[in-house]
Amino acid sequence: MVTVPNITLFDVSLGLIYLLIIYFFAFYYSRKKKNNIPIYRYFLFGLTAKIMGALVFVVISIYYYNKGDTFLYFQIADDLRDHLFLDFSDTLKLLFTSYSDLGDANYNPLERYNYYYERETNWVFGRLVFFFNVLGCGSYLVTSILMALVSFLGLWLGYKAISTLYQKASKLMLIPFFLIPTALIWSSGVLKDTLVIGAIGILLYAFSNVFIHKNRILLSIILITVGVVTLQLLKPILIFMLI
């Protein structure tokens, strides 16, 4: 059975520490960049919107819905993190074990859930969440914040690409990218949508570099590869979004 995580004093304290670190670097980075690229005056605004989306998602998921796929993904990642401290080498092996071979593994994080919905993609996404879980010290709140941060960075690249093409509409473009409440909340937590939205932003940026601006070609090819691989891994949710 999937356990709904609690938000304790530890989670709040660790979350505040992470936010202080994130905003320290974000403030320094945006202040440095906005002198040459005016849209960076919105960088902290976009980041704050994304972080707020993550916090709202956490509160709604835990205290209103009290269930959902998000807790399954987190539980898989948390089980892997627990196993990491018990058997480090076996956990590393598990991270490179495909879903089809998982039944033959010494430890199967999915076995006790008997979860019927998209189990293969649950395993793929659970392994991705594992890295955020480790960085977040097993905190659902901090894991959500870190995933929202990564999603924001990808989304910001997409916003930057569009704003470069339509400079006079850069302020208006904040609305579709960062201010639609449902899109913001449901793409800022421990969900596949969070990484999908970030990957789409990366692809917008990379393709605009290659086909319009014709600069940063090597970097853009690498980013296109990262974006396509991410969407390929999480394609069921992408298909759902396009229907």
C-alpha atoms as a PDB file:
ATOM      1  CA  MET A   1       0.000   0.000   0.000  1.00  0.00           C
ATOM      2  CA  VAL A   2       1.203   3.506  -0.862  1.00  0.00           C
ATOM      3  CA  THR A   3       1.820   5.751   2.146  1.00  0.00           C
ATOM      4  CA  VAL A   4       0.836   9.419   2.052  1.00  0.00           C
ATOM      5  CA  PRO A   5       3.897  11.380   3.252  1.00  0.00           C
ATOM      6  CA  ASN A   6       3.702  13.806   6.164  1.00  0.00           C
ATOM      7  CA  ILE A   7       5.016  17.358   6.250  1.00  0.00           C
ATOM      8  CA  THR A   8       7.026  17.637   9.453  1.00  0.00           C
ATOM      9  CA  LEU A   9       9.181  20.343  11.001  1.00  0.00           C
ATOM     10  CA  PHE A  10      12.167  18.648   9.365  1.00  0.00           C
ATOM     11  CA  ASP A  11      10.557  19.000   5.921  1.00  0.00           C
ATOM     12  CA  VAL A  12       9.719  22.659   6.457  1.00  0.00           C
ATOM     13  CA  SER A  13      13.190  23.466   7.835  1.00  0.00           C
ATOM     14  CA  LEU A  14      14.981  21.632   5.033  1.00  0.00           C
ATOM     15  CA  GLY A  15      12.655  23.224   2.487  1.00  0.00           C
ATOM     16  CA  LEU A  16      13.504  26.706   3.770  1.00  0.00           C
ATOM     17  CA  ILE A  17      17.229  25.945   3.581  1.00  0.00           C
ATOM     18  CA  TYR A  18      16.897  24.761  -0.012  1.00  0.00           C
ATOM     19  CA  LEU A  19      14.814  27.798  -0.939  1.00  0.00           C
ATOM     20  CA  LEU A  20      17.406  30.141   0.550  1.00  0.00           C
ATOM     21  CA  ILE A  21      20.128  28.453  -1.506  1.00  0.00           C
ATOM     22  CA  ILE A  22      18.006  28.465  -4.677  1.00  0.00           C
ATOM     23  CA  TYR A  23      17.070  32.132  -4.355  1.00  0.00           C
ATOM     24  CA  PHE A  24      20.612  33.168  -3.476  1.00  0.00           C
ATOM     25  CA  PHE A  25      21.945  31.799  -6.769  1.00  0.00           C
ATOM     26  CA  ALA A  26      18.836  32.845  -8.713  1.00  0.00           C
ATOM     27  CA  PHE A  27      19.134  36.443  -7.487  1.00  0.00           C
ATOM     28  CA  TYR A  28      22.824  36.600  -8.355  1.00  0.00           C
ATOM     29  CA  TYR A  29      22.268  35.005 -11.781  1.00  0.00           C
ATOM     30  CA  SER A  30      19.317  37.197 -12.760  1.00  0.00           C
ATOM     31  CA  ARG A  31      21.028  40.392 -11.625  1.00  0.00           C
ATOM     32  CA  LYS A  32      24.057  39.520 -13.747  1.00  0.00           C
ATOM     33  CA  LYS A  33      22.053  38.608 -16.852  1.00  0.00           C
ATOM     34  CA  LYS A  34      19.364  41.296 -16.920  1.00  0.00           C
ATOM     35  CA  ASN A  35      21.868  44.025 -17.755  1.00  0.00           C
ATOM     36  CA  ASN A  36      22.289  42.480 -21.212  1.00  0.00           C
ATOM     37  CA  ILE A  37      19.024  40.528 -21.563  1.00  0.00           C
ATOM     38  CA  PRO A  38      16.046  42.543 -20.248  1.00  0.00           C
ATOM     39  CA  ILE A  39      13.678  39.569 -19.885  1.00  0.00           C
ATOM     40  CA  TYR A  40      15.788  38.311 -16.972  1.00  0.00           C
ATOM     41  CA  ARG A  41      14.055  40.891 -14.806  1.00  0.00           C
ATOM     42  CA  TYR A  42      11.215  38.343 -14.833  1.00  0.00           C
ATOM     43  CA  PHE A  43      13.439  35.412 -13.863  1.00  0.00           C
ATOM     44  CA  LEU A  44      12.708  35.561 -10.133  1.00  0.00           C
ATOM     45  CA  PHE A  45       9.023  36.117 -10.861  1.00  0.00           C
ATOM     46  CA  GLY A  46       8.840  32.954 -12.985  1.00  0.00           C
ATOM     47  CA  LEU A  47      10.819  30.973 -10.433  1.00  0.00           C
ATOM     48  CA  THR A  48       8.564  32.118  -7.597  1.00  0.00           C
ATOM     49  CA  ALA A  49       5.440  31.203  -9.567  1.00  0.00           C
ATOM     50  CA  LYS A  50       6.816  27.712 -10.184  1.00  0.00           C
ATOM     51  CA  ILE A  51       7.827  27.214  -6.543  1.00  0.00           C
ATOM     52  CA  MET A  52       4.401  28.410  -5.397  1.00  0.00           C
ATOM     53  CA  GLY A  53       2.827  25.946  -7.803  1.00  0.00           C
ATOM     54  CA  ALA A  54       4.836  23.144  -6.204  1.00  0.00           C
ATOM     55  CA  LEU A  55       3.840  24.189  -2.676  1.00  0.00           C
ATOM     56  CA  VAL A  56       0.165  24.404  -3.599  1.00  0.00           C
ATOM     57  CA  PHE A  57       0.376  20.989  -5.270  1.00  0.00           C
ATOM     58  CA  VAL A  58       1.921  19.479  -2.128  1.00  0.00           C
ATOM     59  CA  VAL A  59      -0.789  20.925   0.120  1.00  0.00           C
ATOM     60  CA  ILE A  60      -3.640  19.882  -2.197  1.00  0.00           C
ATOM     61  CA  SER A  61      -2.266  16.380  -2.715  1.00  0.00           C
ATOM     62  CA  ILE A  62      -1.658  15.636   0.955  1.00  0.00           C
ATOM     63  CA  TYR A  63      -4.439  17.497   2.729  1.00  0.00           C
ATOM     64  CA  TYR A  64      -7.243  17.479   0.145  1.00  0.00           C
ATOM     65  CA  TYR A  65      -6.947  14.524  -2.217  1.00  0.00           C
ATOM     66  CA  ASN A  66      -4.900  12.403   0.180  1.00  0.00           C
ATOM     67  CA  LYS A  67      -4.171   9.979  -2.658  1.00  0.00           C
ATOM     68  CA  GLY A  68      -2.864   9.902  -6.204  1.00  0.00           C
ATOM     69  CA  ASP A  69      -0.137   8.723  -8.553  1.00  0.00           C
ATOM     70  CA  THR A  70       2.255  11.290  -7.125  1.00  0.00           C
ATOM     71  CA  PHE A  71       2.555   9.290  -3.897  1.00  0.00           C
ATOM     72  CA  LEU A  72       3.225   6.072  -5.799  1.00  0.00           C
ATOM     73  CA  TYR A  73       6.080   7.682  -7.732  1.00  0.00           C
ATOM     74  CA  PHE A  74       7.516   9.130  -4.550  1.00  0.00           C
ATOM     75  CA  GLN A  75       7.149   5.828  -2.670  1.00  0.00           C
ATOM     76  CA  ILE A  76       9.023   3.926  -5.390  1.00  0.00           C
ATOM     77  CA  ALA A  77      11.806   6.502  -5.240  1.00  0.00           C
ATOM     78  CA  ASP A  78      11.815   6.450  -1.439  1.00  0.00           C
ATOM     79  CA  ASP A  79      12.013   2.647  -1.365  1.00  0.00           C
ATOM     80  CA  LEU A  80      14.986   2.815  -3.721  1.00  0.00           C
ATOM     81  CA  ARG A  81      16.643   5.387  -1.465  1.00  0.00           C
ATOM     82  CA  ASP A  82      16.131   3.139   1.577  1.00  0.00           C
ATOM     83  CA  HIS A  83      17.588   0.217  -0.358  1.00  0.00           C
ATOM     84  CA  LEU A  84      20.552   2.405  -1.313  1.00  0.00           C
ATOM     85  CA  PHE A  85      21.687   2.466   2.314  1.00  0.00           C
ATOM     86  CA  LEU A  86      21.183  -1.279   2.669  1.00  0.00           C
ATOM     87  CA  ASP A  87      22.855  -2.403  -0.545  1.00  0.00           C
ATOM     88  CA  PHE A  88      24.536   0.350  -2.534  1.00  0.00           C
ATOM     89  CA  SER A  89      25.781  -1.810  -5.409  1.00  0.00           C
ATOM     90  CA  ASP A  90      22.450  -3.592  -5.839  1.00  0.00           C
ATOM     91  CA  THR A  91      20.635  -0.257  -5.972  1.00  0.00           C
ATOM     92  CA  LEU A  92      22.972   0.986  -8.705  1.00  0.00           C
ATOM     93  CA  LYS A  93      22.250  -2.216 -10.599  1.00  0.00           C
ATOM     94  CA  LEU A  94      18.505  -1.660 -10.157  1.00  0.00           C
ATOM     95  CA  LEU A  95      18.750   1.807 -11.686  1.00  0.00           C
ATOM     96  CA  PHE A  96      19.896   0.177 -14.930  1.00  0.00           C
ATOM     97  CA  THR A  97      17.403  -2.677 -14.768  1.00  0.00           C
ATOM     98  CA  SER A  98      14.563  -2.544 -17.280  1.00  0.00           C
ATOM     99  CA  TYR A  99      10.982  -3.150 -16.271  1.00  0.00           C
ATOM    100  CA  SER A 100      10.925  -6.498 -18.095  1.00  0.00           C
ATOM    101  CA  ASP A 101      13.909  -7.713 -16.046  1.00  0.00           C
ATOM    102  CA  LEU A 102      12.673  -6.320 -12.747  1.00  0.00           C
ATOM    103  CA  GLY A 103      10.919  -9.561 -11.791  1.00  0.00           C
ATOM    104  CA  ASP A 104      14.283 -11.369 -11.701  1.00  0.00           C
ATOM    105  CA  ALA A 105      15.973  -8.742  -9.522  1.00  0.00           C
ATOM    106  CA  ASN A 106      16.883  -9.468  -5.900  1.00  0.00           C
ATOM    107  CA  TYR A 107      14.769  -6.523  -4.816  1.00  0.00           C
ATOM    108  CA  ASN A 108      11.676  -5.289  -6.680  1.00  0.00           C
ATOM    109  CA  PRO A 109      10.329  -1.918  -5.459  1.00  0.00           C
ATOM    110  CA  LEU A 110       7.099  -2.396  -7.421  1.00  0.00           C
ATOM    111  CA  GLU A 111       6.251  -5.866  -6.190  1.00  0.00           C
ATOM    112  CA  ARG A 112       4.345  -4.910  -3.052  1.00  0.00           C
ATOM    113  CA  TYR A 113       2.077  -2.389  -4.798  1.00  0.00           C
ATOM    114  CA  ASN A 114       0.511  -4.622  -7.451  1.00  0.00           C
ATOM    115  CA  TYR A 115      -0.339  -1.406  -9.241  1.00  0.00           C
ATOM    116  CA  TYR A 116      -2.213  -1.936 -12.510  1.00  0.00           C
ATOM    117  CA  TYR A 117      -1.846   1.443 -14.213  1.00  0.00           C
ATOM    118  CA  GLU A 118       1.175   1.913 -16.530  1.00  0.00           C
ATOM    119  CA  ARG A 119       3.542  -0.050 -14.344  1.00  0.00           C
ATOM    120  CA  GLU A 120       6.386   0.189 -16.829  1.00  0.00           C
ATOM    121  CA  THR A 121       6.283   3.976 -16.895  1.00  0.00           C
ATOM    122  CA  ASN A 122       5.897   3.995 -13.113  1.00  0.00           C
ATOM    123  CA  TRP A 123       9.258   2.237 -12.912  1.00  0.00           C
ATOM    124  CA  VAL A 124      10.859   4.616 -15.422  1.00  0.00           C
ATOM    125  CA  PHE A 125       9.579   7.700 -13.652  1.00  0.00           C
ATOM    126  CA  GLY A 126      10.218   6.294 -10.181  1.00  0.00           C
ATOM    127  CA  ARG A 127      13.901   5.983 -11.038  1.00  0.00           C
ATOM    128  CA  LEU A 128      13.994   9.613 -12.170  1.00  0.00           C
ATOM    129  CA  VAL A 129      12.284  10.769  -8.971  1.00  0.00           C
ATOM    130  CA  PHE A 130      14.840   8.736  -6.997  1.00  0.00           C
ATOM    131  CA  PHE A 131      17.589  11.255  -7.777  1.00  0.00           C
ATOM    132  CA  PHE A 132      15.450  14.153  -6.567  1.00  0.00           C
ATOM    133  CA  ASN A 133      14.470  12.097  -3.518  1.00  0.00           C
ATOM    134  CA  VAL A 134      18.112  11.521  -2.595  1.00  0.00           C
ATOM    135  CA  LEU A 135      18.930  15.227  -2.983  1.00  0.00           C
ATOM    136  CA  GLY A 136      15.828  16.040  -0.943  1.00  0.00           C
ATOM    137  CA  CYS A 137      16.808  13.672   1.883  1.00  0.00           C
ATOM    138  CA  GLY A 138      13.594  11.683   1.472  1.00  0.00           C
ATOM    139  CA  SER A 139      11.356  14.729   1.945  1.00  0.00           C
ATOM    140  CA  TYR A 140       8.293  14.878  -0.305  1.00  0.00           C
ATOM    141  CA  LEU A 141       8.165  18.653   0.090  1.00  0.00           C
ATOM    142  CA  VAL A 142      11.810  19.183  -0.879  1.00  0.00           C
ATOM    143  CA  THR A 143      11.601  16.633  -3.696  1.00  0.00           C
ATOM    144  CA  SER A 144       8.659  18.607  -5.109  1.00  0.00           C
ATOM    145  CA  ILE A 145      10.592  21.880  -4.863  1.00  0.00           C
ATOM    146  CA  LEU A 146      13.617  20.410  -6.651  1.00  0.00           C
ATOM    147  CA  MET A 147      11.504  18.936  -9.444  1.00  0.00           C
ATOM    148  CA  ALA A 148       9.719  22.282  -9.850  1.00  0.00           C
ATOM    149  CA  LEU A 149      13.116  23.993 -10.087  1.00  0.00           C
ATOM    150  CA  VAL A 150      14.314  21.691 -12.875  1.00  0.00           C
ATOM    151  CA  SER A 151      10.992  22.107 -14.676  1.00  0.00           C
ATOM    152  CA  PHE A 152      11.264  25.889 -14.346  1.00  0.00           C
ATOM    153  CA  LEU A 153      14.768  25.956 -15.842  1.00  0.00           C
ATOM    154  CA  GLY A 154      13.528  24.096 -18.913  1.00  0.00           C
ATOM    155  CA  LEU A 155      10.390  26.234 -19.115  1.00  0.00           C
ATOM    156  CA  TRP A 156      12.439  29.413 -18.781  1.00  0.00           C
ATOM    157  CA  LEU A 157      14.539  28.409 -21.790  1.00  0.00           C
ATOM    158  CA  GLY A 158      11.328  27.992 -23.768  1.00  0.00           C
ATOM    159  CA  TYR A 159      10.067  31.370 -22.561  1.00  0.00           C
ATOM    160  CA  LYS A 160      13.391  32.933 -23.467  1.00  0.00           C
ATOM    161  CA  ALA A 161      13.218  31.473 -26.986  1.00  0.00           C
ATOM    162  CA  ILE A 162       9.700  32.813 -27.628  1.00  0.00           C
ATOM    163  CA  SER A 163      10.446  36.187 -26.041  1.00  0.00           C
ATOM    164  CA  THR A 164      13.500  36.606 -28.250  1.00  0.00           C
ATOM    165  CA  LEU A 165      11.286  36.216 -31.305  1.00  0.00           C
ATOM    166  CA  TYR A 166       8.524  38.463 -29.940  1.00  0.00           C
ATOM    167  CA  GLN A 167      10.336  40.933 -27.731  1.00  0.00           C
ATOM    168  CA  LYS A 168       7.425  43.371 -27.402  1.00  0.00           C
ATOM    169  CA  ALA A 169       5.225  40.568 -26.051  1.00  0.00           C
ATOM    170  CA  SER A 170       7.734  39.231 -23.512  1.00  0.00           C
ATOM    171  CA  LYS A 171       5.733  40.471 -20.516  1.00  0.00           C
ATOM    172  CA  LEU A 172       2.486  39.121 -21.949  1.00  0.00           C
ATOM    173  CA  MET A 173       4.125  35.739 -22.574  1.00  0.00           C
ATOM    174  CA  LEU A 174       4.566  35.300 -18.827  1.00  0.00           C
ATOM    175  CA  ILE A 175       0.877  34.418 -18.634  1.00  0.00           C
ATOM    176  CA  PRO A 176       0.868  31.194 -20.720  1.00  0.00           C
ATOM    177  CA  PHE A 177       4.257  30.115 -19.416  1.00  0.00           C
ATOM    178  CA  PHE A 178       3.918  30.824 -15.692  1.00  0.00           C
ATOM    179  CA  LEU A 179       0.510  32.181 -14.703  1.00  0.00           C
ATOM    180  CA  ILE A 180      -2.177  29.706 -15.768  1.00  0.00           C
ATOM    181  CA  PRO A 181      -3.080  28.212 -12.357  1.00  0.00           C
ATOM    182  CA  THR A 182      -4.075  24.675 -13.383  1.00  0.00           C
ATOM    183  CA  ALA A 183      -1.109  24.227 -15.727  1.00  0.00           C
ATOM    184  CA  LEU A 184       1.225  25.706 -13.129  1.00  0.00           C
ATOM    185  CA  ILE A 185       0.050  23.569 -10.204  1.00  0.00           C
ATOM    186  CA  TRP A 186      -0.220  20.281 -12.086  1.00  0.00           C
ATOM    187  CA  SER A 187       3.207  20.627 -13.650  1.00  0.00           C
ATOM    188  CA  SER A 188       5.141  21.563 -10.520  1.00  0.00           C
ATOM    189  CA  GLY A 189       5.002  18.506  -8.275  1.00  0.00           C
ATOM    190  CA  VAL A 190       6.112  14.894  -8.265  1.00  0.00           C
ATOM    191  CA  LEU A 191       4.338  14.141 -11.528  1.00  0.00           C
ATOM    192  CA  LYS A 192       5.416  13.196 -15.037  1.00  0.00           C
ATOM    193  CA  ASP A 193       3.925  16.442 -16.339  1.00  0.00           C
ATOM    194  CA  THR A 194       6.551  18.413 -14.423  1.00  0.00           C
ATOM    195  CA  LEU A 195       9.465  16.963 -16.384  1.00  0.00           C
ATOM    196  CA  VAL A 196       7.483  16.874 -19.642  1.00  0.00           C
ATOM    197  CA  ILE A 197       6.806  20.624 -19.457  1.00  0.00           C
ATOM    198  CA  GLY A 198      10.477  21.278 -18.714  1.00  0.00           C
ATOM    199  CA  ALA A 199      11.538  19.100 -21.642  1.00  0.00           C
ATOM    200  CA  ILE A 200       9.169  20.932 -24.007  1.00  0.00           C
ATOM    201  CA  GLY A 201      10.710  24.235 -22.917  1.00  0.00           C
ATOM    202  CA  ILE A 202      14.187  22.871 -23.611  1.00  0.00           C
ATOM    203  CA  LEU A 203      13.120  21.739 -27.092  1.00  0.00           C
ATOM    204  CA  LEU A 204      11.629  25.161 -27.904  1.00  0.00           C
ATOM    205  CA  TYR A 205      14.921  26.785 -26.974  1.00  0.00           C
ATOM    206  CA  ALA A 206      17.124  24.269 -28.764  1.00  0.00           C
ATOM    207  CA  PHE A 207      15.123  24.173 -32.005  1.00  0.00           C
ATOM    208  CA  SER A 208      15.002  27.973 -32.157  1.00  0.00           C
ATOM    209  CA  ASN A 209      18.780  28.055 -31.810  1.00  0.00           C
ATOM    210  CA  VAL A 210      19.318  25.516 -34.577  1.00  0.00           C
ATOM    211  CA  PHE A 211      16.722  26.606 -37.136  1.00  0.00           C
ATOM    212  CA  ILE A 212      16.230  30.330 -36.463  1.00  0.00           C
ATOM    213  CA  HIS A 213      19.219  31.891 -34.711  1.00  0.00           C
ATOM    214  CA  LYS A 214      21.727  29.314 -35.988  1.00  0.00           C
ATOM    215  CA  ASN A 215      23.939  29.545 -32.921  1.00  0.00           C
ATOM    216  CA  ARG A 216      24.980  27.278 -30.035  1.00  0.00           C
ATOM    217  CA  ILE A 217      24.470  24.334 -32.370  1.00  0.00           C
ATOM    218  CA  LEU A 218      26.386  21.712 -30.376  1.00  0.00           C
ATOM    219  CA  LEU A 219      24.736  22.675 -27.087  1.00  0.00           C
ATOM    220  CA  SER A 220      21.347  22.709 -28.773  1.00  0.00           C
ATOM    221  CA  ILE A 221      21.841  19.233 -30.246  1.00  0.00           C
ATOM    222  CA  ILE A 222      22.682  17.952 -26.758  1.00  0.00           C
ATOM    223  CA  LEU A 223      19.580  19.666 -25.342  1.00  0.00           C
ATOM    224  CA  ILE A 224      17.409  18.251 -28.131  1.00  0.00           C
ATOM    225  CA  THR A 225      18.696  14.783 -27.270  1.00  0.00           C
ATOM    226  CA  VAL A 226      17.914  15.311 -23.574  1.00  0.00           C
ATOM    227  CA  GLY A 227      14.448  16.644 -24.372  1.00  0.00           C
ATOM    228  CA  VAL A 228      13.549  13.896 -26.838  1.00  0.00           C
ATOM    229  CA  VAL A 229      14.797  11.138 -24.518  1.00  0.00           C
ATOM    230  CA  THR A 230      12.759  12.594 -21.640  1.00  0.00           C
ATOM    231  CA  LEU A 231       9.610  12.745 -23.753  1.00  0.00           C
ATOM    232  CA  GLN A 232      10.250   9.250 -25.068  1.00  0.00           C
ATOM    233  CA  LEU A 233      10.560   7.886 -21.536  1.00  0.00           C
ATOM    234  CA  LEU A 234       7.395   9.659 -20.413  1.00  0.00           C
ATOM    235  CA  LYS A 235       5.444   9.416 -23.675  1.00  0.00           C
ATOM    236  CA  PRO A 236       2.160   8.052 -22.200  1.00  0.00           C
ATOM    237  CA  ILE A 237       1.566  11.291 -20.313  1.00  0.00           C
ATOM    238  CA  LEU A 238       2.564  13.338 -23.366  1.00  0.00           C
ATOM    239  CA  ILE A 239       0.006  11.487 -25.488  1.00  0.00           C
ATOM    240  CA  PHE A 240      -2.606  12.146 -22.796  1.00  0.00           C
ATOM    241  CA  MET A 241      -1.777  15.866 -22.861  1.00  0.00           C
ATOM    242  CA  LEU A 242      -2.209  16.063 -26.628  1.00  0.00           C
ATOM    243  CA  ILE A 243      -5.626  14.350 -26.735  1.00  0.00           C
END
